[in-house]
Amino acid sequence: MHKNGRKYGVLITDVPLGVLTISAWLKDRCNAEVQVVDFNTEIHKTWDSPEATSFHDWFEEVFLSIKQSGFEPDLIGFSSLFITGYDNLLALAEVAKKVFPGAFRICGGNLPTTMYRELFSDSPDAFDALCFGEGELPITELMAAENKADYCNGSAQWITKENLKQGAMYQHNFISNLDEIPDLDYDCIDLKDYHLNPTIKAYTSIGDRTNYITYMGSRGCPFHCTFCAAHTVHGRKMRSFTIERIERELFDLCEKYAPNTLVIEDDMFLWDKEWAASVLKIAQKLNLTCFFPNALALYALDRPMLEELHRTGVRQLTLAVESGSARVLKEVMKKPLKLSITNRVVADCRDLGIYTDCNIIIGMPGETLNDINDTREFLRSLDANWYRINVATPLAGSEMYINAVKNGQIKGDIRMAGYKRCVVETKDFTPAQIESIAYDINLEMNFLRNSDIKYGNYERALETFENVLLLRNDHALAMYKIIECKRLMGVGPVDEELWTRLADMVQATPFWSKYFQDHALAFRDWAEAELKTG
């Protein structure tokens, strides 16, 4: 709910750890004055143009307010991780050039590292240079250069319009000792701006979902999953802060902000189980409950590790299940995971009281409809608490993206995919088929076969369905399950208003009318019986 009274979609406001790192580096190593604007939080404070067709005018207003405050940057750096921000990134660069024509404009992150050809093709003058991979060492050299344009044109870490035309070959310049990086610059943002973050608010096991700090203690991932592009920025070799550095920095952050939750953002937190366990023990010492928004690798979640996580207050985990087809895991995704491990981890989590939220991907090139049916059958036997049924999205830089482009399998705008819209078509399926199957599996596993209801955890199920209704206020099946939970909890006759709302939802759209009919979801008998006895 925006302050203007309107409801909008989910807006992710994760703490931008890369920006905090670069800000700290610039201040410490380059003696630079830094200001940070995060438009994902700024939108809640200064945007109020619901009828506008773009954010262009608002971007200009924000930049002009910075200029009027007296801050005239020599360099403007943009950070962009995912393709969904592509159009806004170019619009921001265009406005920055207009408001601050003398500033040198650079961009870093996964998007410019993997889509630099597209960016310079679509908007040749938007940026002076794009950083290839990690930015600490390249930006140090850039800041020291007498002529930034000449330096970038001759550097293998900076992509420019000129050296791209000349066929330059780019390479990473990784920082090998992460302890050289100064402590995160949390001072460059206002933590209160991130209290709306739906990433953590969606997890019902977290008590106070506003009092948290975010941290990332390692970089890299050694695996070769075809749908992932994380290696394009951080590489496959694992690097990490030392345990001593982590303990000191977390202690200082706790002294300053007094958080109760530590959000750990590592791509591959369990790369070294001894290191991971040491980080968890630090959190325990500081009375921090740990929370992992990224999916954890199942192979490393043996019983001792799960018990260590439980001792750190972890009551909810996102699991990187990805597929229920052994063939797809091995041959299509190249993911080293046996289905038996998934079964064991979910069972252990249930035994320990850890809520399991499973990532599932369907619609990979090379996957068949029979493979997807195998996944559905496997999920029916799993009894996890929740399933995120994602549509395979070709991330720039991933093996999946490279092959899909080569084979002409991308149909549609990948910038609008976002794991829900399918933009891949193969001889085995169409985008429409995948979207329909994904939603059907979601409804079956999370609602019709909800494991919390199966095991009598009615209060938790009720809270989950109520959260769904907050996001989709027309979700008839969520309302149906809310009523079912209330009936099973024996809290007395269900409010007549709920029955009326459910009937209105079902009748409002042909989809829900047909779905309820196809699945014999008769609710009128319930309502009539309750109203007679109520």
Protein backbone atom coordinates (compact mmCIF):
# COMPACT_ATOMS: atom_id res chain seq x y z
CA MET A 1 0.00 0.00 0.00
CA HIS A 2 1.62 3.24 -1.16
CA LYS A 3 1.24 6.40 0.89
CA ASN A 4 -1.05 7.68 -1.87
CA GLY A 5 -3.57 5.04 -0.81
CA ARG A 6 -3.19 2.79 -3.84
CA LYS A 7 -2.12 -0.83 -3.85
CA TYR A 8 0.77 -1.86 -6.05
CA GLY A 9 2.64 -5.08 -6.74
CA VAL A 10 5.46 -6.48 -4.64
CA LEU A 11 8.50 -4.19 -4.69
CA ILE A 12 11.70 -5.84 -3.53
CA THR A 13 13.73 -3.63 -1.20
CA ASP A 14 16.71 -5.80 -0.34
CA VAL A 15 19.65 -3.97 1.23
CA PRO A 16 22.02 -3.34 -1.74
CA LEU A 17 25.14 -5.03 -0.36
CA GLY A 18 27.19 -4.43 -3.52
CA VAL A 19 26.51 -0.70 -3.33
CA LEU A 20 27.37 -0.61 0.38
CA THR A 21 30.64 -2.38 -0.40
CA ILE A 22 31.62 -0.06 -3.26
CA SER A 23 30.68 2.99 -1.17
CA ALA A 24 32.91 1.80 1.67
CA TRP A 25 35.73 1.10 -0.78
CA LEU A 26 35.49 4.53 -2.44
CA LYS A 27 35.50 6.34 0.89
CA ASP A 28 38.38 4.31 2.34
CA ARG A 29 40.64 3.75 -0.67
CA CYS A 30 39.86 6.74 -2.87
CA ASN A 31 38.96 9.41 -0.29
CA ALA A 32 35.75 10.07 -2.19
CA GLU A 33 32.55 11.75 -1.06
CA VAL A 34 29.67 9.38 -1.80
CA GLN A 35 25.90 9.71 -1.93
CA VAL A 36 23.61 6.75 -2.55
CA VAL A 37 20.09 6.78 -4.00
CA ASP A 38 18.17 3.49 -3.98
CA PHE A 39 15.15 3.98 -6.22
CA ASN A 40 13.55 0.80 -4.81
CA THR A 41 13.09 2.61 -1.50
CA GLU A 42 12.92 6.16 -2.86
CA ILE A 43 9.70 5.24 -4.68
CA HIS A 44 7.91 4.96 -1.32
CA LYS A 45 9.04 8.44 -0.32
CA THR A 46 8.96 10.79 -3.31
CA TRP A 47 7.10 9.13 -6.20
CA ASP A 48 3.40 9.84 -6.59
CA SER A 49 2.48 9.68 -10.27
CA PRO A 50 0.22 6.63 -10.61
CA GLU A 51 -1.04 7.77 -14.03
CA ALA A 52 2.46 8.10 -15.53
CA THR A 53 3.53 5.60 -18.19
CA SER A 54 7.19 5.68 -17.11
CA PHE A 55 9.40 6.80 -14.22
CA HIS A 56 11.39 9.20 -16.42
CA ASP A 57 10.05 12.47 -14.99
CA TRP A 58 10.40 11.19 -11.43
CA PHE A 59 14.01 10.16 -12.07
CA GLU A 60 14.71 13.70 -13.24
CA GLU A 61 13.05 15.19 -10.15
CA VAL A 62 15.23 13.08 -7.86
CA PHE A 63 18.45 13.98 -9.69
CA LEU A 64 17.52 17.66 -9.74
CA SER A 65 16.90 17.61 -5.97
CA ILE A 66 20.40 16.19 -5.51
CA LYS A 67 21.86 18.91 -7.70
CA GLN A 68 19.93 21.62 -5.84
CA SER A 69 21.37 20.31 -2.56
CA GLY A 70 24.82 21.29 -3.84
CA PHE A 71 26.15 17.82 -4.63
CA GLU A 72 27.80 17.76 -8.09
CA PRO A 73 29.22 14.29 -8.75
CA ASP A 74 32.35 13.72 -10.85
CA LEU A 75 31.26 10.13 -11.37
CA ILE A 76 27.84 8.45 -11.28
CA GLY A 77 27.79 4.70 -10.76
CA PHE A 78 24.73 2.55 -11.45
CA SER A 79 24.28 -0.93 -10.02
CA SER A 80 21.94 -3.34 -11.78
CA LEU A 81 21.63 -7.04 -11.02
CA PHE A 82 18.74 -8.41 -13.05
CA ILE A 83 17.29 -7.99 -16.51
CA THR A 84 13.94 -6.83 -15.14
CA GLY A 85 15.59 -3.45 -14.45
CA TYR A 86 16.88 -3.06 -18.02
CA ASP A 87 14.59 -0.29 -19.28
CA ASN A 88 14.73 1.73 -16.07
CA LEU A 89 18.53 1.47 -16.05
CA LEU A 90 18.75 3.10 -19.47
CA ALA A 91 16.22 5.76 -18.47
CA LEU A 92 18.23 6.59 -15.34
CA ALA A 93 21.43 6.93 -17.36
CA GLU A 94 19.72 9.21 -19.87
CA VAL A 95 18.40 11.48 -17.11
CA ALA A 96 21.74 11.51 -15.29
CA LYS A 97 23.47 12.65 -18.47
CA LYS A 98 20.95 15.49 -18.82
CA VAL A 99 21.15 16.71 -15.22
CA PHE A 100 24.88 16.09 -14.68
CA PRO A 101 26.43 16.39 -18.17
CA GLY A 102 29.98 16.60 -16.81
CA ALA A 103 29.84 13.40 -14.76
CA PHE A 104 31.48 10.17 -15.94
CA ARG A 105 28.79 7.45 -16.00
CA ILE A 106 29.62 3.84 -15.19
CA CYS A 107 27.57 0.73 -14.39
CA GLY A 108 28.33 -2.55 -12.63
CA GLY A 109 26.61 -5.77 -11.64
CA ASN A 110 25.33 -8.87 -13.39
CA LEU A 111 23.30 -7.00 -16.02
CA PRO A 112 26.11 -4.90 -17.56
CA THR A 113 28.59 -7.77 -17.22
CA THR A 114 26.40 -10.10 -19.27
CA MET A 115 24.43 -7.74 -21.52
CA TYR A 116 26.96 -5.07 -22.42
CA ARG A 117 26.41 -5.61 -26.16
CA GLU A 118 22.66 -5.04 -25.81
CA LEU A 119 23.12 -1.95 -23.61
CA PHE A 120 25.49 -0.24 -26.04
CA SER A 121 23.34 -1.29 -28.99
CA ASP A 122 20.09 0.05 -27.48
CA SER A 123 21.62 3.23 -26.06
CA PRO A 124 25.20 3.88 -27.29
CA ASP A 125 25.71 7.02 -25.19
CA ALA A 126 23.97 6.01 -21.94
CA PHE A 127 27.22 5.00 -20.23
CA ASP A 128 30.84 5.96 -20.59
CA ALA A 129 31.96 2.52 -19.34
CA LEU A 130 30.61 -0.74 -17.95
CA CYS A 131 32.49 -2.74 -15.34
CA PHE A 132 33.22 -6.37 -16.20
CA GLY A 133 32.67 -8.40 -13.02
CA GLU A 134 33.63 -7.27 -9.53
CA GLY A 135 34.30 -3.57 -9.14
CA GLU A 136 36.66 -2.93 -6.22
CA LEU A 137 40.01 -3.15 -8.03
CA PRO A 138 38.81 -1.74 -11.38
CA ILE A 139 37.19 1.29 -9.73
CA THR A 140 40.41 2.02 -7.81
CA GLU A 141 42.33 2.27 -11.08
CA LEU A 142 39.53 4.32 -12.64
CA MET A 143 39.52 6.84 -9.82
CA ALA A 144 43.31 7.23 -10.09
CA ALA A 145 43.27 7.73 -13.86
CA GLU A 146 44.00 11.24 -15.11
CA ASN A 147 41.79 10.66 -18.14
CA LYS A 148 38.99 8.25 -17.28
CA ALA A 149 37.82 7.73 -20.85
CA ASP A 150 41.30 6.88 -22.12
CA TYR A 151 41.92 4.54 -19.20
CA CYS A 152 38.65 2.64 -19.72
CA ASN A 153 39.23 2.31 -23.46
CA GLY A 154 42.51 0.55 -22.74
CA SER A 155 41.41 -1.58 -19.79
CA ALA A 156 40.30 -5.23 -19.92
CA GLN A 157 37.99 -4.60 -16.94
CA TRP A 158 36.01 -1.76 -18.51
CA ILE A 159 33.73 -2.11 -21.52
CA THR A 160 33.33 1.00 -23.64
CA LYS A 161 31.65 1.76 -26.93
CA GLU A 162 35.07 2.22 -28.53
CA ASN A 163 36.87 -0.90 -27.31
CA LEU A 164 33.77 -3.02 -27.97
CA LYS A 165 33.91 -1.96 -31.63
CA GLN A 166 37.59 -2.94 -31.70
CA GLY A 167 36.77 -6.46 -30.51
CA ALA A 168 38.38 -6.14 -27.08
CA MET A 169 38.55 -9.20 -24.83
CA TYR A 170 37.42 -8.55 -21.25
CA GLN A 171 38.58 -10.32 -18.11
CA HIS A 172 37.88 -10.33 -14.39
CA ASN A 173 40.06 -8.67 -11.81
CA PHE A 174 38.93 -10.44 -8.64
CA ILE A 175 39.99 -9.31 -5.22
CA SER A 176 41.53 -12.46 -3.72
CA ASN A 177 41.64 -11.43 -0.06
CA LEU A 178 38.14 -10.25 0.85
CA ASP A 179 39.39 -9.01 4.24
CA GLU A 180 40.95 -6.10 2.34
CA ILE A 181 37.42 -4.76 1.80
CA PRO A 182 36.42 -2.15 4.42
CA ASP A 183 33.38 -2.80 6.60
CA LEU A 184 30.02 -2.37 4.88
CA ASP A 185 28.98 1.27 4.63
CA TYR A 186 25.56 1.06 6.26
CA ASP A 187 25.79 4.81 6.86
CA CYS A 188 25.11 5.49 3.17
CA ILE A 189 21.50 4.26 3.52
CA ASP A 190 18.74 4.56 6.07
CA LEU A 191 17.85 1.10 7.37
CA LYS A 192 14.30 2.22 8.14
CA ASP A 193 13.72 2.51 4.39
CA TYR A 194 14.07 -1.27 4.13
CA HIS A 195 11.45 -2.24 6.70
CA LEU A 196 8.89 -2.74 3.93
CA ASN A 197 11.00 -5.53 2.42
CA PRO A 198 8.59 -8.30 1.31
CA THR A 199 11.46 -10.78 1.04
CA ILE A 200 11.60 -11.05 4.82
CA LYS A 201 7.98 -10.08 5.53
CA ALA A 202 6.78 -13.16 3.62
CA TYR A 203 8.45 -15.45 6.14
CA THR A 204 5.98 -16.04 8.91
CA SER A 205 8.54 -17.65 11.23
CA ILE A 206 10.31 -14.30 11.74
CA GLY A 207 8.93 -12.32 14.66
CA ASP A 208 9.99 -8.68 14.31
CA ARG A 209 10.59 -8.39 10.55
CA THR A 210 11.93 -4.83 10.66
CA ASN A 211 14.92 -5.14 13.00
CA TYR A 212 17.53 -6.83 10.85
CA ILE A 213 20.92 -6.39 9.19
CA THR A 214 22.00 -8.00 5.94
CA TYR A 215 25.38 -9.62 5.34
CA MET A 216 27.32 -11.57 2.74
CA GLY A 217 30.51 -13.31 3.87
CA SER A 218 31.58 -15.11 0.71
CA ARG A 219 31.70 -14.82 -3.06
CA GLY A 220 31.59 -17.36 -5.86
CA CYS A 221 29.92 -20.69 -6.56
CA PRO A 222 31.76 -23.83 -7.72
CA PHE A 223 28.76 -25.46 -9.40
CA HIS A 224 27.70 -25.33 -13.04
CA CYS A 225 23.89 -25.16 -12.87
CA THR A 226 22.75 -24.22 -16.36
CA PHE A 227 20.03 -21.81 -15.19
CA CYS A 228 22.35 -19.69 -13.01
CA ALA A 229 24.51 -16.70 -13.95
CA ALA A 230 26.07 -15.81 -10.57
CA HIS A 231 29.50 -16.96 -11.76
CA THR A 232 29.62 -14.21 -14.39
CA VAL A 233 30.36 -11.61 -11.71
CA HIS A 234 32.00 -13.49 -8.83
CA GLY A 235 33.47 -16.51 -10.61
CA ARG A 236 33.43 -20.15 -9.57
CA LYS A 237 36.30 -20.07 -7.08
CA MET A 238 35.09 -19.56 -3.53
CA ARG A 239 36.48 -16.66 -1.50
CA SER A 240 35.35 -15.52 1.92
CA PHE A 241 35.97 -13.17 4.80
CA THR A 242 37.89 -14.75 7.63
CA ILE A 243 35.86 -15.78 10.66
CA GLU A 244 37.76 -13.18 12.70
CA ARG A 245 36.74 -10.41 10.30
CA ILE A 246 33.10 -11.55 10.29
CA GLU A 247 32.91 -11.67 14.09
CA ARG A 248 34.41 -8.19 14.47
CA GLU A 249 32.19 -6.61 11.81
CA LEU A 250 28.98 -8.26 13.04
CA PHE A 251 29.80 -7.22 16.61
CA ASP A 252 30.24 -3.60 15.45
CA LEU A 253 26.96 -3.70 13.49
CA CYS A 254 25.13 -5.09 16.52
CA GLU A 255 26.59 -2.39 18.74
CA LYS A 256 25.38 0.28 16.32
CA TYR A 257 21.97 -1.05 15.21
CA ALA A 258 20.97 -3.58 17.90
CA PRO A 259 19.33 -5.97 15.41
CA ASN A 260 17.66 -9.25 16.33
CA THR A 261 17.94 -10.91 12.89
CA LEU A 262 20.86 -11.54 10.54
CA VAL A 263 19.87 -11.92 6.88
CA ILE A 264 22.61 -13.95 5.15
CA GLU A 265 22.72 -13.32 1.39
CA ASP A 266 25.60 -15.59 0.30
CA ASP A 267 25.02 -17.36 -3.03
CA MET A 268 26.68 -20.50 -1.63
CA PHE A 269 26.72 -20.21 2.16
CA LEU A 270 27.40 -23.93 2.72
CA TRP A 271 30.50 -24.08 0.48
CA ASP A 272 32.58 -24.99 3.56
CA LYS A 273 30.52 -26.49 6.37
CA GLU A 274 33.14 -25.69 9.04
CA TRP A 275 33.24 -22.04 7.95
CA ALA A 276 29.42 -21.90 7.79
CA ALA A 277 29.08 -23.45 11.25
CA SER A 278 31.52 -20.87 12.64
CA VAL A 279 29.40 -18.04 11.20
CA LEU A 280 26.31 -19.55 12.82
CA LYS A 281 28.10 -19.75 16.18
CA ILE A 282 28.97 -16.06 15.91
CA ALA A 283 25.28 -15.31 15.35
CA GLN A 284 24.39 -17.41 18.38
CA LYS A 285 26.92 -15.50 20.49
CA LEU A 286 25.35 -12.21 19.38
CA ASN A 287 21.77 -13.50 19.95
CA LEU A 288 20.95 -13.09 16.27
CA THR A 289 18.33 -15.23 14.55
CA CYS A 290 19.58 -16.16 11.09
CA PHE A 291 17.46 -15.92 7.97
CA PHE A 292 18.39 -17.14 4.49
CA PRO A 293 16.42 -15.59 1.59
CA ASN A 294 18.49 -17.55 -0.93
CA ALA A 295 17.96 -21.27 -1.35
CA LEU A 296 20.48 -23.46 0.47
CA ALA A 297 22.23 -26.40 -1.21
CA LEU A 298 20.58 -29.59 -0.05
CA TYR A 299 23.65 -31.82 -0.24
CA ALA A 300 25.26 -29.92 2.65
CA LEU A 301 22.17 -29.94 4.87
CA ASP A 302 22.99 -33.05 6.86
CA ARG A 303 21.40 -33.52 10.26
CA PRO A 304 24.23 -31.83 12.26
CA MET A 305 24.09 -28.74 10.02
CA LEU A 306 20.30 -28.54 10.32
CA GLU A 307 20.60 -28.80 14.10
CA GLU A 308 23.18 -25.98 14.07
CA LEU A 309 20.83 -23.86 12.00
CA HIS A 310 18.02 -24.65 14.43
CA ARG A 311 20.19 -23.52 17.35
CA THR A 312 20.62 -20.21 15.51
CA GLY A 313 16.88 -19.66 15.54
CA VAL A 314 16.32 -20.83 11.97
CA ARG A 315 12.71 -22.00 11.70
CA GLN A 316 12.31 -21.57 7.97
CA LEU A 317 14.54 -22.54 5.03
CA THR A 318 14.32 -22.08 1.30
CA LEU A 319 15.55 -25.28 -0.33
CA ALA A 320 17.12 -25.50 -3.79
CA VAL A 321 15.07 -28.53 -4.90
CA GLU A 322 14.70 -27.20 -8.49
CA SER A 323 13.25 -30.40 -10.02
CA GLY A 324 11.67 -33.72 -9.09
CA SER A 325 13.04 -35.41 -12.20
CA ALA A 326 16.38 -37.17 -11.76
CA ARG A 327 17.02 -36.85 -15.49
CA VAL A 328 16.39 -33.11 -15.56
CA LEU A 329 18.61 -32.52 -12.53
CA LYS A 330 21.53 -34.43 -14.03
CA GLU A 331 21.26 -33.86 -17.78
CA VAL A 332 19.40 -30.57 -18.18
CA MET A 333 20.25 -28.53 -15.09
CA LYS A 334 23.67 -30.13 -14.41
CA LYS A 335 22.84 -29.94 -10.73
CA PRO A 336 24.58 -32.51 -8.49
CA LEU A 337 21.60 -33.57 -6.38
CA LYS A 338 19.95 -36.91 -5.68
CA LEU A 339 16.22 -36.92 -5.02
CA SER A 340 16.74 -39.09 -1.95
CA ILE A 341 18.68 -36.23 -0.35
CA THR A 342 15.70 -33.92 -0.88
CA ASN A 343 13.38 -36.40 0.82
CA ARG A 344 15.73 -36.76 3.78
CA VAL A 345 16.27 -33.00 4.24
CA VAL A 346 12.53 -32.23 4.16
CA ALA A 347 11.83 -35.04 6.66
CA ASP A 348 14.61 -33.84 8.99
CA CYS A 349 13.34 -30.26 8.79
CA ARG A 350 9.83 -31.38 9.66
CA ASP A 351 11.20 -33.33 12.62
CA LEU A 352 13.15 -30.28 13.85
CA GLY A 353 10.27 -27.86 13.31
CA ILE A 354 11.85 -26.02 10.37
CA TYR A 355 9.41 -24.74 7.75
CA THR A 356 10.49 -25.78 4.24
CA ASP A 357 9.98 -23.53 1.22
CA CYS A 358 11.07 -25.30 -1.99
CA ASN A 359 12.29 -23.65 -5.18
CA ILE A 360 11.05 -25.51 -8.27
CA ILE A 361 11.87 -24.64 -11.89
CA ILE A 362 9.91 -25.98 -14.87
CA GLY A 363 10.18 -25.22 -18.57
CA MET A 364 13.91 -25.74 -19.08
CA PRO A 365 15.01 -26.30 -22.67
CA GLY A 366 15.57 -30.05 -22.89
CA GLU A 367 12.83 -30.81 -20.37
CA THR A 368 9.72 -32.66 -21.54
CA LEU A 369 6.13 -32.65 -20.33
CA ASN A 370 6.75 -36.17 -18.98
CA ASP A 371 9.67 -34.80 -16.94
CA ILE A 372 7.36 -32.13 -15.50
CA ASN A 373 4.84 -34.84 -14.61
CA ASP A 374 7.66 -36.68 -12.82
CA THR A 375 8.35 -33.50 -10.85
CA ARG A 376 4.70 -33.20 -9.89
CA GLU A 377 4.59 -36.83 -8.72
CA PHE A 378 7.76 -36.33 -6.68
CA LEU A 379 6.37 -33.22 -4.99
CA ARG A 380 3.24 -35.13 -4.02
CA SER A 381 5.46 -37.42 -1.94
CA LEU A 382 7.59 -34.69 -0.39
CA ASP A 383 5.33 -32.99 2.18
CA ALA A 384 7.26 -29.72 2.25
CA ASN A 385 5.42 -26.71 3.66
CA TRP A 386 5.42 -24.56 0.52
CA TYR A 387 6.53 -24.69 -3.11
CA ARG A 388 7.62 -21.81 -5.35
CA ILE A 389 6.80 -23.11 -8.81
CA ASN A 390 8.97 -20.93 -11.03
CA VAL A 391 9.02 -20.76 -14.80
CA ALA A 392 12.54 -21.20 -16.17
CA THR A 393 13.87 -17.75 -17.06
CA PRO A 394 16.91 -17.40 -19.36
CA LEU A 395 19.27 -15.24 -17.29
CA ALA A 396 21.86 -13.46 -19.39
CA GLY A 397 25.21 -15.14 -18.92
CA SER A 398 23.76 -18.53 -17.99
CA GLU A 399 24.31 -21.64 -20.10
CA MET A 400 20.55 -21.85 -20.50
CA TYR A 401 20.42 -18.34 -22.01
CA ILE A 402 23.35 -18.91 -24.34
CA ASN A 403 21.90 -22.16 -25.70
CA ALA A 404 18.34 -20.81 -25.94
CA VAL A 405 19.54 -17.85 -28.02
CA LYS A 406 21.64 -20.12 -30.25
CA ASN A 407 18.73 -22.52 -30.79
CA GLY A 408 16.14 -19.80 -31.38
CA GLN A 409 14.07 -20.92 -28.37
CA ILE A 410 13.42 -17.49 -26.83
CA LYS A 411 9.94 -16.28 -27.74
CA GLY A 412 9.05 -12.96 -26.17
CA ASP A 413 10.72 -10.32 -24.05
CA ILE A 414 13.00 -11.87 -21.42
CA ARG A 415 13.00 -8.54 -19.58
CA MET A 416 9.38 -9.22 -18.60
CA ALA A 417 9.76 -12.89 -17.63
CA GLY A 418 10.47 -12.66 -13.90
CA TYR A 419 10.15 -16.42 -13.24
CA LYS A 420 6.38 -16.35 -13.87
CA ARG A 421 6.06 -15.61 -17.59
CA CYS A 422 7.52 -18.20 -19.93
CA VAL A 423 9.60 -16.90 -22.84
CA VAL A 424 11.00 -20.27 -23.95
CA GLU A 425 9.44 -22.49 -26.59
CA THR A 426 10.81 -25.89 -27.61
CA LYS A 427 9.59 -28.89 -29.57
CA ASP A 428 8.26 -30.25 -26.26
CA PHE A 429 6.15 -27.33 -25.03
CA THR A 430 4.82 -23.83 -25.65
CA PRO A 431 5.10 -20.88 -23.24
CA ALA A 432 1.36 -21.01 -22.58
CA GLN A 433 1.57 -24.68 -21.59
CA ILE A 434 4.36 -24.04 -19.10
CA GLU A 435 2.62 -21.07 -17.50
CA SER A 436 -0.61 -23.05 -17.15
CA ILE A 437 1.13 -26.13 -15.70
CA ALA A 438 3.19 -24.04 -13.28
CA TYR A 439 0.11 -22.36 -11.87
CA ASP A 440 -1.77 -25.64 -11.68
CA ILE A 441 1.06 -27.30 -9.72
CA ASN A 442 1.17 -24.25 -7.44
CA LEU A 443 -2.54 -24.52 -6.67
CA GLU A 444 -2.39 -28.27 -6.15
CA MET A 445 0.68 -28.45 -3.92
CA ASN A 446 0.25 -25.26 -1.89
CA PHE A 447 -3.52 -25.29 -1.49
CA LEU A 448 -5.24 -28.58 -2.30
CA ARG A 449 -2.42 -30.70 -0.81
CA ASN A 450 -1.20 -28.21 1.78
CA SER A 451 1.00 -30.12 4.24
CA ASP A 452 0.32 -27.78 7.18
CA ILE A 453 -3.35 -28.72 6.98
CA LYS A 454 -2.38 -32.38 6.54
CA TYR A 455 -0.34 -32.33 9.77
CA GLY A 456 -2.82 -30.25 11.75
CA ASN A 457 -0.84 -26.99 11.74
CA TYR A 458 -4.00 -25.00 11.06
CA GLU A 459 -2.86 -21.68 12.52
CA ARG A 460 0.27 -21.59 10.37
CA ALA A 461 -1.72 -22.60 7.30
CA LEU A 462 -4.26 -19.87 8.05
CA GLU A 463 -1.54 -17.20 8.29
CA THR A 464 -0.04 -18.39 5.00
CA PHE A 465 -3.34 -18.22 3.14
CA GLU A 466 -4.09 -14.80 4.63
CA ASN A 467 -0.71 -13.60 3.31
CA VAL A 468 -1.65 -14.89 -0.14
CA LEU A 469 -4.89 -12.94 0.03
CA LEU A 470 -2.95 -9.77 0.89
CA LEU A 471 -1.04 -10.16 -2.37
CA ARG A 472 -4.00 -11.35 -4.46
CA ASN A 473 -7.26 -10.16 -2.97
CA ASP A 474 -9.22 -12.11 -5.61
CA HIS A 475 -7.60 -15.48 -4.86
CA ALA A 476 -10.68 -17.67 -4.39
CA LEU A 477 -8.74 -20.80 -3.44
CA ALA A 478 -6.89 -18.93 -0.68
CA MET A 479 -10.23 -17.74 0.69
CA TYR A 480 -11.61 -21.28 0.45
CA LYS A 481 -8.65 -22.56 2.49
CA ILE A 482 -8.98 -19.74 5.04
CA ILE A 483 -12.55 -20.86 5.68
CA GLU A 484 -11.46 -24.50 5.85
CA CYS A 485 -8.77 -23.67 8.42
CA LYS A 486 -11.23 -21.77 10.58
CA ARG A 487 -13.64 -24.70 10.44
CA LEU A 488 -10.89 -27.18 11.35
CA MET A 489 -9.70 -24.97 14.21
CA GLY A 490 -13.22 -25.06 15.66
CA VAL A 491 -13.36 -21.34 16.33
CA GLY A 492 -17.12 -21.24 15.87
CA PRO A 493 -19.26 -20.51 12.83
CA VAL A 494 -17.37 -18.82 10.02
CA ASP A 495 -18.32 -15.19 9.47
CA GLU A 496 -21.08 -14.93 6.86
CA GLU A 497 -19.06 -12.19 5.17
CA LEU A 498 -16.33 -14.73 4.30
CA TRP A 499 -18.85 -17.02 2.62
CA THR A 500 -20.17 -14.09 0.60
CA ARG A 501 -16.67 -12.98 -0.43
CA LEU A 502 -15.79 -16.52 -1.50
CA ALA A 503 -18.95 -16.84 -3.60
CA ASP A 504 -18.25 -13.47 -5.23
CA MET A 505 -14.65 -14.48 -6.02
CA VAL A 506 -15.66 -17.79 -7.58
CA GLN A 507 -18.38 -16.21 -9.68
CA ALA A 508 -16.27 -13.20 -10.70
CA THR A 509 -13.96 -15.04 -13.10
CA PRO A 510 -14.44 -18.00 -15.43
CA PHE A 511 -11.12 -19.42 -14.23
CA TRP A 512 -12.19 -19.84 -10.62
CA SER A 513 -15.67 -21.01 -11.57
CA LYS A 514 -14.20 -23.76 -13.74
CA TYR A 515 -11.47 -24.62 -11.23
CA PHE A 516 -13.91 -25.10 -8.38
CA GLN A 517 -16.18 -27.15 -10.61
CA ASP A 518 -13.36 -29.32 -12.00
CA HIS A 519 -12.03 -30.07 -8.51
CA ALA A 520 -15.45 -30.55 -6.91
CA LEU A 521 -14.79 -27.81 -4.36
CA ALA A 522 -18.31 -27.49 -2.99
CA PHE A 523 -18.51 -24.76 -0.40
CA ARG A 524 -22.19 -23.84 -0.50
CA ASP A 525 -23.12 -26.93 1.54
CA TRP A 526 -20.66 -25.80 4.21
CA ALA A 527 -22.11 -22.32 4.25
CA GLU A 528 -25.72 -23.45 4.41
CA ALA A 529 -24.99 -25.92 7.21
CA GLU A 530 -23.12 -23.31 9.25
CA LEU A 531 -25.68 -20.61 8.73
CA LYS A 532 -28.47 -22.96 9.84
CA THR A 533 -26.60 -23.89 13.04
CA GLY A 534 -24.96 -20.51 13.54
